[in-house]
Amino acid sequence: MQECTGIANVSAGVLELYPNPTANEFLFVSSGNGMLEIVSASGQLITSRRITTTRETVNTSEIASGIYLVRYTNAAGATSTARLVIQR
């Protein structure tokens, strides 16, 4: 039996979301190619999209007000998560 000494923390880096809280759109800044997902507090996938640049504007006008998680997975498979507040 092997002893477990820890779990590797694999992160895609710090996510930047501006403005946050937001009303209709936010600027997403990342390391580049990957997948962005917006997930509700209950775990429901609201939307996803492929990210191809380091700065992308994401439209949230069709998403209800609330607190969401923005999950970004880069091309290497590392994942980072940030909280997003949509407020109207």
C-alpha atoms as a PDB file:
ATOM      1  CA  MET A   1       0.000   0.000   0.000  1.00  0.00           C
ATOM      2  CA  GLN A   2       1.280   3.450  -0.896  1.00  0.00           C
ATOM      3  CA  GLU A   3       0.959   6.380   1.427  1.00  0.00           C
ATOM      4  CA  CYS A   4      -0.888   9.405   0.069  1.00  0.00           C
ATOM      5  CA  THR A   5       1.175  12.503   0.765  1.00  0.00           C
ATOM      6  CA  GLY A   6      -0.938  15.076  -1.036  1.00  0.00           C
ATOM      7  CA  ILE A   7      -2.952  15.947  -4.074  1.00  0.00           C
ATOM      8  CA  ALA A   8      -1.411  17.925  -6.882  1.00  0.00           C
ATOM      9  CA  ASN A   9      -2.976  21.332  -7.410  1.00  0.00           C
ATOM     10  CA  VAL A  10      -3.180  21.791 -11.177  1.00  0.00           C
ATOM     11  CA  SER A  11      -4.405  25.260 -12.076  1.00  0.00           C
ATOM     12  CA  ALA A  12      -4.851  27.103 -15.356  1.00  0.00           C
ATOM     13  CA  GLY A  13      -3.797  30.327 -13.604  1.00  0.00           C
ATOM     14  CA  VAL A  14      -5.672  33.287 -12.200  1.00  0.00           C
ATOM     15  CA  LEU A  15      -8.851  34.248 -14.036  1.00  0.00           C
ATOM     16  CA  GLU A  16      -9.680  37.899 -14.507  1.00  0.00           C
ATOM     17  CA  LEU A  17     -13.321  38.938 -14.962  1.00  0.00           C
ATOM     18  CA  TYR A  18     -14.169  42.637 -15.427  1.00  0.00           C
ATOM     19  CA  PRO A  19     -16.504  44.140 -14.332  1.00  0.00           C
ATOM     20  CA  ASN A  20     -17.683  41.857 -11.570  1.00  0.00           C
ATOM     21  CA  PRO A  21     -20.544  42.241 -10.665  1.00  0.00           C
ATOM     22  CA  THR A  22     -21.729  42.666 -14.240  1.00  0.00           C
ATOM     23  CA  ALA A  23     -25.037  43.323 -15.983  1.00  0.00           C
ATOM     24  CA  ASN A  24     -24.795  42.319 -19.650  1.00  0.00           C
ATOM     25  CA  GLU A  25     -21.196  41.357 -20.445  1.00  0.00           C
ATOM     26  CA  PHE A  26     -17.771  40.899 -18.926  1.00  0.00           C
ATOM     27  CA  LEU A  27     -14.193  40.848 -20.169  1.00  0.00           C
ATOM     28  CA  PHE A  28     -12.518  37.474 -19.632  1.00  0.00           C
ATOM     29  CA  VAL A  29      -8.709  37.499 -19.459  1.00  0.00           C
ATOM     30  CA  SER A  30      -6.859  34.168 -19.531  1.00  0.00           C
ATOM     31  CA  SER A  31      -3.759  32.465 -20.857  1.00  0.00           C
ATOM     32  CA  GLY A  32      -5.382  31.777 -24.245  1.00  0.00           C
ATOM     33  CA  ASN A  33      -6.796  28.675 -25.924  1.00  0.00           C
ATOM     34  CA  GLY A  34      -9.205  26.680 -23.794  1.00  0.00           C
ATOM     35  CA  MET A  35     -12.840  26.204 -22.778  1.00  0.00           C
ATOM     36  CA  LEU A  36     -14.930  28.581 -20.669  1.00  0.00           C
ATOM     37  CA  GLU A  37     -18.038  27.353 -18.845  1.00  0.00           C
ATOM     38  CA  ILE A  38     -20.544  29.298 -16.765  1.00  0.00           C
ATOM     39  CA  VAL A  39     -22.155  27.112 -14.109  1.00  0.00           C
ATOM     40  CA  SER A  40     -25.043  27.986 -11.762  1.00  0.00           C
ATOM     41  CA  ALA A  41     -24.787  27.653  -7.974  1.00  0.00           C
ATOM     42  CA  SER A  42     -26.755  24.384  -8.267  1.00  0.00           C
ATOM     43  CA  GLY A  43     -24.175  22.955 -10.705  1.00  0.00           C
ATOM     44  CA  GLN A  44     -26.185  23.372 -13.920  1.00  0.00           C
ATOM     45  CA  LEU A  45     -24.127  24.213 -17.003  1.00  0.00           C
ATOM     46  CA  ILE A  46     -25.534  27.522 -18.282  1.00  0.00           C
ATOM     47  CA  THR A  47     -23.252  28.077 -21.275  1.00  0.00           C
ATOM     48  CA  SER A  48     -19.871  27.108 -22.641  1.00  0.00           C
ATOM     49  CA  ARG A  49     -17.626  28.446 -25.361  1.00  0.00           C
ATOM     50  CA  ARG A  50     -14.190  27.911 -26.812  1.00  0.00           C
ATOM     51  CA  ILE A  51     -11.648  30.601 -25.949  1.00  0.00           C
ATOM     52  CA  THR A  52      -9.118  31.419 -28.669  1.00  0.00           C
ATOM     53  CA  THR A  53      -7.551  34.676 -27.457  1.00  0.00           C
ATOM     54  CA  THR A  54      -6.237  36.028 -24.147  1.00  0.00           C
ATOM     55  CA  ARG A  55      -9.029  38.645 -23.889  1.00  0.00           C
ATOM     56  CA  GLU A  56     -12.645  37.930 -24.813  1.00  0.00           C
ATOM     57  CA  THR A  57     -15.921  39.697 -24.127  1.00  0.00           C
ATOM     58  CA  VAL A  58     -18.614  37.323 -22.874  1.00  0.00           C
ATOM     59  CA  ASN A  59     -22.290  38.298 -23.252  1.00  0.00           C
ATOM     60  CA  THR A  60     -24.445  37.565 -20.183  1.00  0.00           C
ATOM     61  CA  SER A  61     -27.642  39.373 -21.230  1.00  0.00           C
ATOM     62  CA  GLU A  62     -29.555  36.064 -21.581  1.00  0.00           C
ATOM     63  CA  ILE A  63     -28.482  34.770 -18.147  1.00  0.00           C
ATOM     64  CA  ALA A  64     -30.629  35.492 -15.067  1.00  0.00           C
ATOM     65  CA  SER A  65     -29.265  37.599 -12.210  1.00  0.00           C
ATOM     66  CA  GLY A  66     -27.405  35.515  -9.634  1.00  0.00           C
ATOM     67  CA  ILE A  67     -24.087  34.069  -8.560  1.00  0.00           C
ATOM     68  CA  TYR A  68     -22.264  31.771 -10.995  1.00  0.00           C
ATOM     69  CA  LEU A  69     -18.963  29.969 -11.302  1.00  0.00           C
ATOM     70  CA  VAL A  70     -16.808  30.626 -14.348  1.00  0.00           C
ATOM     71  CA  ARG A  71     -14.670  27.576 -15.038  1.00  0.00           C
ATOM     72  CA  TYR A  72     -11.768  27.795 -17.498  1.00  0.00           C
ATOM     73  CA  THR A  73      -9.864  24.752 -18.752  1.00  0.00           C
ATOM     74  CA  ASN A  74      -6.735  25.483 -20.770  1.00  0.00           C
ATOM     75  CA  ALA A  75      -5.364  23.434 -23.679  1.00  0.00           C
ATOM     76  CA  ALA A  76      -3.218  21.369 -21.285  1.00  0.00           C
ATOM     77  CA  GLY A  77      -6.299  20.368 -19.236  1.00  0.00           C
ATOM     78  CA  ALA A  78      -5.588  22.509 -16.154  1.00  0.00           C
ATOM     79  CA  THR A  79      -8.665  24.170 -14.650  1.00  0.00           C
ATOM     80  CA  SER A  80      -9.313  27.402 -12.729  1.00  0.00           C
ATOM     81  CA  THR A  81     -12.571  28.720 -11.299  1.00  0.00           C
ATOM     82  CA  ALA A  82     -13.788  32.212 -10.390  1.00  0.00           C
ATOM     83  CA  ARG A  83     -17.055  33.572  -9.018  1.00  0.00           C
ATOM     84  CA  LEU A  84     -19.188  35.813 -11.248  1.00  0.00           C
ATOM     85  CA  VAL A  85     -22.097  37.957 -10.033  1.00  0.00           C
ATOM     86  CA  ILE A  86     -24.725  38.969 -12.599  1.00  0.00           C
ATOM     87  CA  GLN A  87     -26.758  41.865 -11.269  1.00  0.00           C
ATOM     88  CA  ARG A  88     -29.398  43.951 -13.025  1.00  0.00           C
END
